Amino acid sequence: MGAALDRMVAARQTPGGVVAAGTVGGSVTEYAATGTTGVGGSVASGPTTFYDVASLTKVVATWPLVGRAVAHGLLDLEAPVSDHIRTAIPGPGAAVTVRQILTHTSGLMPATRLDRYTGDSRDLAEMILSEPLDTPGEHRYINRGFILLGLLLARVHGKSLRALVDDLGGGLGGGLGLSGLRYGPFLADDRVAPTERRLVGGCPLHGVVHDENAAALGGVAGHAGVFAHAQGLAELAHHFLSARQGRGALKDIGAYVGESWKPAVRVDAANSRGLAWLITDTGLVHHRGFTGTGMYLDPATGRYLVVLTNAIAYGRERHGLAELHALALAQFDD
């Protein structure tokens, strides 16, 4: 994987990246870092460089928080999310359940576009549920559902999603003792890799969320917005895999993790969807983020792989990412 990242850097497909690999119960996590944190930069990428993980937010923040809310009786996978929306009469999405959101079968509008609600006085969760449904029951990758879950988590806990992620990662309230998982913004310094230069002549986004809809929510959303480094995500992978075995700081969600990693709906020729995660026919669990990030877990062997890049730094075409993803999956074939 390190050699593949080297090739991407040489081909100007990403300024740099970091890979972390290991096995639960193993004493050492191996890291391979290459390149720099940004285009034209001189600061080397490393295991503690923060990257905008984009849609990995769904599985490294929202998914475990939902699991804890379910374990503590605050959310029910089978209950309509509208049970927690009390601001007005629910719309067409009134019957959408937490399980349907996690499996991407809710039928909520596939286009996120939160900007269309700017200036509206209604509650955002209410507005999302008021929109017409589109083929409920069929698998369709939808950000809106996880945005809604982020709003619900804040409601049922009575604290912000930012505070919940800080608690989960930072060691408070039964947290995991991670230093490498948090929402932005960051100071635009060497700790964090910039992402995209959206306008020629402008500066790249640096320390602020790339996803426009997460930005509309102040950088804190259930579908995107988290920044993380490879060391922190490697530790998190340990926690997830240990929980599946009924051990560790997340053992309270062990049953939920086990259910999440079972196929629920077919996605394509090679993958099914569980709760939030994609599952290959060989049982490998994985998820990716638009910025060039990925997490790969093998429950059978306890192996894990984390990939962090800022592949959008040279453009949204993200050349080389499909090959990198295929190579990451292939690491578990031996």
Protein backbone atom coordinates (compact mmCIF):
# COMPACT_ATOMS: atom_id res chain seq x y z
CA MET A 1 0.00 0.00 0.00
CA GLY A 2 2.87 2.36 0.75
CA ALA A 3 4.26 1.81 -2.75
CA ALA A 4 0.81 2.53 -4.24
CA LEU A 5 0.68 5.84 -2.38
CA ASP A 6 4.17 6.65 -3.62
CA ARG A 7 2.96 6.12 -7.19
CA MET A 8 -0.07 8.37 -6.61
CA VAL A 9 2.17 11.13 -5.28
CA ALA A 10 4.57 10.78 -8.22
CA ALA A 11 1.63 10.95 -10.66
CA ARG A 12 0.24 14.07 -8.92
CA GLN A 13 -2.93 12.26 -7.89
CA THR A 14 -2.53 13.27 -4.25
CA PRO A 15 0.07 15.39 -2.42
CA GLY A 16 0.50 12.66 0.20
CA GLY A 17 -1.16 10.05 2.34
CA VAL A 18 -0.90 7.66 5.24
CA VAL A 19 -1.75 3.98 5.62
CA ALA A 20 -2.18 2.20 8.95
CA ALA A 21 -2.43 -1.59 9.20
CA GLY A 22 -2.57 -4.06 12.03
CA THR A 23 -4.42 -6.84 13.80
CA VAL A 24 -6.42 -6.78 17.01
CA GLY A 25 -4.23 -8.39 19.62
CA GLY A 26 -1.09 -7.46 17.71
CA SER A 27 1.45 -5.30 19.49
CA VAL A 28 2.31 -2.97 16.61
CA THR A 29 0.34 -0.92 14.10
CA GLU A 30 2.36 -0.43 10.94
CA TYR A 31 2.31 2.96 9.23
CA ALA A 32 3.38 4.02 5.76
CA ALA A 33 3.38 7.74 5.03
CA THR A 34 4.42 9.49 1.85
CA GLY A 35 4.43 12.94 0.33
CA THR A 36 3.38 16.17 1.97
CA THR A 37 0.22 17.46 3.58
CA GLY A 38 -0.63 19.79 0.68
CA VAL A 39 0.11 20.82 -2.89
CA GLY A 40 3.48 22.57 -3.03
CA GLY A 41 4.00 22.01 0.68
CA SER A 42 7.10 20.91 2.53
CA VAL A 43 5.50 19.35 5.64
CA ALA A 44 5.61 15.57 5.46
CA SER A 45 2.43 13.57 6.02
CA GLY A 46 2.51 11.32 9.06
CA PRO A 47 0.44 9.12 11.42
CA THR A 48 -0.84 12.16 13.34
CA THR A 49 -1.69 14.35 10.32
CA PHE A 50 -5.40 15.15 10.42
CA TYR A 51 -7.42 14.55 7.25
CA ASP A 52 -10.99 15.50 6.44
CA VAL A 53 -12.47 11.98 6.35
CA ALA A 54 -15.72 13.03 4.57
CA SER A 55 -18.22 10.16 4.51
CA LEU A 56 -16.13 8.04 6.86
CA THR A 57 -17.88 10.27 9.41
CA LYS A 58 -20.89 8.00 8.94
CA VAL A 59 -19.09 4.95 10.33
CA VAL A 60 -16.47 6.42 12.68
CA ALA A 61 -18.81 8.84 14.47
CA THR A 62 -22.54 8.55 13.69
CA TRP A 63 -22.73 4.75 13.48
CA PRO A 64 -21.13 4.01 16.89
CA LEU A 65 -23.10 6.84 18.51
CA VAL A 66 -26.34 5.35 17.17
CA GLY A 67 -25.22 1.99 18.57
CA ARG A 68 -24.72 3.45 22.01
CA ALA A 69 -28.07 5.26 21.85
CA VAL A 70 -29.73 1.94 20.93
CA ALA A 71 -27.88 0.07 23.68
CA HIS A 72 -29.02 2.64 26.25
CA GLY A 73 -32.63 2.67 25.09
CA LEU A 74 -32.59 6.16 23.58
CA LEU A 75 -33.17 5.02 19.99
CA ASP A 76 -34.92 1.99 18.49
CA LEU A 77 -33.75 0.66 15.13
CA GLU A 78 -37.32 -0.21 14.17
CA ALA A 79 -39.00 2.99 15.37
CA PRO A 80 -39.83 5.88 13.03
CA VAL A 81 -37.40 8.74 13.41
CA SER A 82 -40.42 11.03 13.43
CA ASP A 83 -41.06 9.85 17.00
CA HIS A 84 -38.32 12.31 17.96
CA ILE A 85 -39.60 15.16 15.79
CA ARG A 86 -42.26 17.07 17.69
CA THR A 87 -42.24 20.43 15.96
CA ALA A 88 -45.04 19.78 13.47
CA ILE A 89 -47.18 17.13 11.80
CA PRO A 90 -44.74 14.72 10.08
CA GLY A 91 -44.55 14.64 6.28
CA PRO A 92 -44.08 11.73 3.83
CA GLY A 93 -41.00 10.56 5.72
CA ALA A 94 -42.90 9.99 8.97
CA ALA A 95 -42.53 6.21 8.78
CA VAL A 96 -38.80 6.13 7.95
CA THR A 97 -36.93 4.10 10.56
CA VAL A 98 -33.41 4.25 11.94
CA ARG A 99 -32.69 0.85 10.39
CA GLN A 100 -33.77 2.06 6.94
CA ILE A 101 -31.46 5.05 7.21
CA LEU A 102 -28.52 2.89 8.25
CA THR A 103 -29.12 0.47 5.37
CA HIS A 104 -29.69 3.32 2.87
CA THR A 105 -33.18 2.04 2.03
CA SER A 106 -35.17 4.94 3.52
CA GLY A 107 -36.25 6.49 0.23
CA LEU A 108 -35.33 9.96 1.48
CA MET A 109 -34.40 12.39 -1.29
CA PRO A 110 -31.04 11.37 -2.80
CA ALA A 111 -30.00 14.97 -3.50
CA THR A 112 -28.70 16.52 -0.29
CA ARG A 113 -28.82 20.25 -1.19
CA LEU A 114 -29.39 21.81 2.23
CA ASP A 115 -28.89 25.23 0.67
CA ARG A 116 -32.46 25.04 -0.66
CA TYR A 117 -33.68 25.43 2.94
CA THR A 118 -31.68 28.57 3.68
CA GLY A 119 -33.89 31.17 5.31
CA ASP A 120 -36.72 28.72 6.05
CA SER A 121 -38.01 29.01 9.61
CA ARG A 122 -38.94 25.33 9.92
CA ASP A 123 -36.84 22.80 11.79
CA LEU A 124 -34.36 21.05 9.47
CA ALA A 125 -35.28 17.54 10.61
CA GLU A 126 -38.92 18.32 9.94
CA MET A 127 -38.10 19.65 6.47
CA ILE A 128 -36.12 16.54 5.54
CA LEU A 129 -39.05 14.33 6.53
CA SER A 130 -41.53 16.56 4.69
CA GLU A 131 -40.00 15.86 1.27
CA PRO A 132 -41.48 13.17 -1.04
CA LEU A 133 -39.92 9.72 -0.75
CA ASP A 134 -38.08 8.14 -3.69
CA THR A 135 -38.30 4.33 -4.01
CA PRO A 136 -38.32 3.42 -0.28
CA GLY A 137 -37.05 -0.09 0.34
CA GLU A 138 -34.49 0.03 -2.46
CA HIS A 139 -30.81 0.60 -1.74
CA ARG A 140 -29.65 4.08 -2.65
CA TYR A 141 -26.74 5.83 -0.98
CA ILE A 142 -28.30 8.85 0.75
CA ASN A 143 -26.55 11.47 2.86
CA ARG A 144 -29.79 12.98 4.13
CA GLY A 145 -30.49 10.01 6.38
CA PHE A 146 -27.22 10.39 8.24
CA ILE A 147 -27.75 14.14 8.50
CA LEU A 148 -31.06 13.28 10.14
CA LEU A 149 -29.40 10.78 12.48
CA GLY A 150 -26.94 13.45 13.58
CA LEU A 151 -29.84 15.76 14.41
CA LEU A 152 -31.64 12.98 16.30
CA LEU A 153 -28.57 12.04 18.33
CA ALA A 154 -28.29 15.64 19.52
CA ARG A 155 -31.98 15.61 20.49
CA VAL A 156 -32.05 12.35 22.40
CA HIS A 157 -28.85 13.15 24.31
CA GLY A 158 -29.61 16.82 24.87
CA LYS A 159 -26.14 17.88 23.68
CA SER A 160 -24.55 18.79 20.38
CA LEU A 161 -23.18 16.24 17.94
CA ARG A 162 -19.77 17.89 18.35
CA ALA A 163 -19.90 17.25 22.10
CA LEU A 164 -21.01 13.65 21.55
CA VAL A 165 -18.05 12.94 19.25
CA ASP A 166 -15.70 14.65 21.70
CA ASP A 167 -17.10 12.41 24.44
CA LEU A 168 -16.76 9.31 22.28
CA GLY A 169 -13.19 9.97 21.27
CA GLY A 170 -11.75 12.11 24.02
CA GLY A 171 -12.11 9.96 27.09
CA LEU A 172 -15.11 11.65 28.71
CA GLY A 173 -18.30 9.82 29.65
CA GLY A 174 -16.97 6.39 28.78
CA GLY A 175 -14.94 7.63 25.84
CA LEU A 176 -12.24 5.74 24.00
CA GLY A 177 -9.24 7.87 24.88
CA LEU A 178 -8.58 8.88 21.28
CA SER A 179 -6.85 12.12 20.40
CA GLY A 180 -7.33 11.78 16.66
CA LEU A 181 -11.08 12.10 16.08
CA ARG A 182 -12.94 15.43 16.13
CA TYR A 183 -14.95 17.94 14.16
CA GLY A 184 -13.26 21.07 12.82
CA PRO A 185 -12.46 23.80 12.40
CA PHE A 186 -8.71 23.64 12.91
CA LEU A 187 -6.16 26.38 12.67
CA ALA A 188 -4.69 26.26 9.18
CA ASP A 189 -1.40 24.79 10.33
CA ASP A 190 0.83 21.75 9.85
CA ARG A 191 -1.43 19.42 11.84
CA VAL A 192 -4.06 19.16 9.12
CA ALA A 193 -3.93 18.45 5.38
CA PRO A 194 -5.67 20.96 3.08
CA THR A 195 -8.28 19.61 0.69
CA GLU A 196 -9.60 21.29 -2.46
CA ARG A 197 -8.73 24.58 -4.16
CA ARG A 198 -12.21 25.39 -5.45
CA LEU A 199 -11.33 28.50 -7.42
CA VAL A 200 -8.19 29.09 -9.48
CA GLY A 201 -6.20 31.77 -7.71
CA GLY A 202 -7.86 31.02 -4.37
CA CYS A 203 -6.52 29.16 -1.37
CA PRO A 204 -7.35 25.51 -0.68
CA LEU A 205 -9.76 24.63 2.09
CA HIS A 206 -7.58 24.11 5.14
CA GLY A 207 -8.89 23.04 8.52
CA VAL A 208 -12.53 23.53 7.51
CA VAL A 209 -14.91 20.89 6.20
CA HIS A 210 -14.93 20.18 2.47
CA ASP A 211 -18.52 18.93 2.19
CA GLU A 212 -20.79 21.87 1.34
CA ASN A 213 -23.80 20.49 3.19
CA ALA A 214 -21.80 19.82 6.33
CA ALA A 215 -20.47 23.37 6.02
CA ALA A 216 -24.06 24.63 5.93
CA LEU A 217 -24.52 22.92 9.29
CA GLY A 218 -21.51 24.69 10.78
CA GLY A 219 -19.11 21.88 9.90
CA VAL A 220 -20.83 19.39 12.24
CA ALA A 221 -23.06 16.80 10.58
CA GLY A 222 -23.88 13.12 10.75
CA HIS A 223 -22.74 12.39 7.21
CA ALA A 224 -19.47 14.37 7.02
CA GLY A 225 -17.33 16.84 8.92
CA VAL A 226 -15.05 14.70 11.08
CA PHE A 227 -11.28 15.08 10.85
CA ALA A 228 -9.07 12.20 11.96
CA HIS A 229 -5.52 10.93 11.77
CA ALA A 230 -4.28 7.44 10.97
CA GLN A 231 -3.19 6.67 14.51
CA GLY A 232 -6.62 7.58 15.89
CA LEU A 233 -8.49 5.58 13.26
CA ALA A 234 -6.23 2.56 13.84
CA GLU A 235 -7.14 2.72 17.53
CA LEU A 236 -10.80 3.06 16.60
CA ALA A 237 -10.55 0.00 14.34
CA HIS A 238 -9.24 -1.91 17.37
CA HIS A 239 -12.28 -0.82 19.37
CA PHE A 240 -14.74 -1.82 16.64
CA LEU A 241 -13.21 -5.26 16.11
CA SER A 242 -12.89 -5.85 19.86
CA ALA A 243 -16.53 -4.88 20.38
CA ARG A 244 -17.52 -7.52 17.81
CA GLN A 245 -15.81 -10.02 20.11
CA GLY A 246 -17.60 -8.63 23.19
CA ARG A 247 -14.51 -6.94 24.58
CA GLY A 248 -13.15 -3.45 25.15
CA ALA A 249 -14.54 0.01 25.72
CA LEU A 250 -17.29 -0.47 23.12
CA LYS A 251 -18.44 -3.90 24.29
CA ASP A 252 -21.83 -2.37 25.14
CA ILE A 253 -22.53 -2.17 21.41
CA GLY A 254 -21.11 -5.60 20.59
CA ALA A 255 -24.46 -7.03 19.50
CA TYR A 256 -25.13 -3.95 17.38
CA VAL A 257 -21.72 -4.26 15.72
CA GLY A 258 -22.39 -7.91 14.94
CA GLU A 259 -25.75 -7.07 13.39
CA SER A 260 -24.22 -4.17 11.46
CA TRP A 261 -21.71 -6.47 9.81
CA LYS A 262 -24.30 -8.87 8.41
CA PRO A 263 -25.61 -8.31 4.85
CA ALA A 264 -29.03 -6.66 4.83
CA VAL A 265 -29.52 -5.52 1.23
CA ARG A 266 -27.63 -6.18 -2.00
CA VAL A 267 -25.69 -3.21 -3.41
CA ASP A 268 -23.78 -4.55 -6.41
CA ALA A 269 -22.06 -7.66 -7.72
CA ALA A 270 -19.45 -7.61 -4.97
CA ASN A 271 -21.05 -5.90 -1.96
CA SER A 272 -24.05 -5.87 0.34
CA ARG A 273 -25.01 -3.19 2.85
CA GLY A 274 -25.26 -3.92 6.56
CA LEU A 275 -25.98 -1.16 9.03
CA ALA A 276 -23.96 1.72 7.51
CA TRP A 277 -21.05 -0.47 6.34
CA LEU A 278 -20.47 -2.22 3.02
CA ILE A 279 -19.77 -5.95 3.28
CA THR A 280 -18.03 -7.98 0.59
CA ASP A 281 -19.06 -11.54 -0.21
CA THR A 282 -15.95 -12.69 1.66
CA GLY A 283 -17.05 -10.83 4.82
CA LEU A 284 -14.73 -7.83 4.63
CA VAL A 285 -16.32 -4.68 6.07
CA HIS A 286 -15.43 -1.31 4.54
CA HIS A 287 -16.40 2.30 3.89
CA ARG A 288 -14.84 5.21 1.99
CA GLY A 289 -14.91 9.00 2.03
CA PHE A 290 -15.03 11.35 -0.97
CA THR A 291 -11.81 13.14 -0.04
CA GLY A 292 -9.79 9.94 -0.52
CA THR A 293 -10.16 8.04 2.74
CA GLY A 294 -11.12 4.50 3.66
CA MET A 295 -11.39 1.98 6.49
CA TYR A 296 -11.28 -1.79 5.93
CA LEU A 297 -11.98 -4.37 8.65
CA ASP A 298 -11.90 -8.16 8.63
CA PRO A 299 -13.98 -9.47 11.56
CA ALA A 300 -12.82 -13.05 10.93
CA THR A 301 -9.11 -12.32 11.40
CA GLY A 302 -9.15 -9.05 13.34
CA ARG A 303 -7.09 -7.32 10.65
CA TYR A 304 -7.68 -3.70 9.71
CA LEU A 305 -6.44 -1.15 7.21
CA VAL A 306 -6.90 2.64 7.26
CA VAL A 307 -6.14 4.84 4.24
CA LEU A 308 -6.01 8.63 4.44
CA THR A 309 -5.27 10.91 1.49
CA ASN A 310 -6.38 14.33 0.25
CA ALA A 311 -6.94 13.08 -3.29
CA ILE A 312 -9.18 16.03 -4.19
CA ALA A 313 -6.27 18.44 -3.85
CA TYR A 314 -5.64 18.10 -7.61
CA GLY A 315 -9.32 17.99 -8.60
CA ARG A 316 -12.56 16.17 -8.05
CA GLU A 317 -11.71 13.51 -10.63
CA ARG A 318 -9.69 11.82 -7.81
CA HIS A 319 -7.52 9.88 -10.24
CA GLY A 320 -6.00 6.73 -8.77
CA LEU A 321 -8.51 6.26 -5.96
CA ALA A 322 -10.39 3.38 -7.59
CA GLU A 323 -7.13 1.48 -7.99
CA LEU A 324 -6.11 2.27 -4.41
CA HIS A 325 -9.47 1.01 -3.12
CA ALA A 326 -9.14 -2.23 -5.13
CA LEU A 327 -5.64 -2.72 -3.79
CA ALA A 328 -6.82 -2.14 -0.21
CA LEU A 329 -9.48 -4.82 -0.61
CA ALA A 330 -6.92 -7.18 -2.14
CA GLN A 331 -4.71 -6.92 0.96
CA PHE A 332 -7.16 -9.24 2.75
CA ASP A 333 -7.12 -11.97 0.12
CA ASP A 334 -4.02 -13.72 1.42
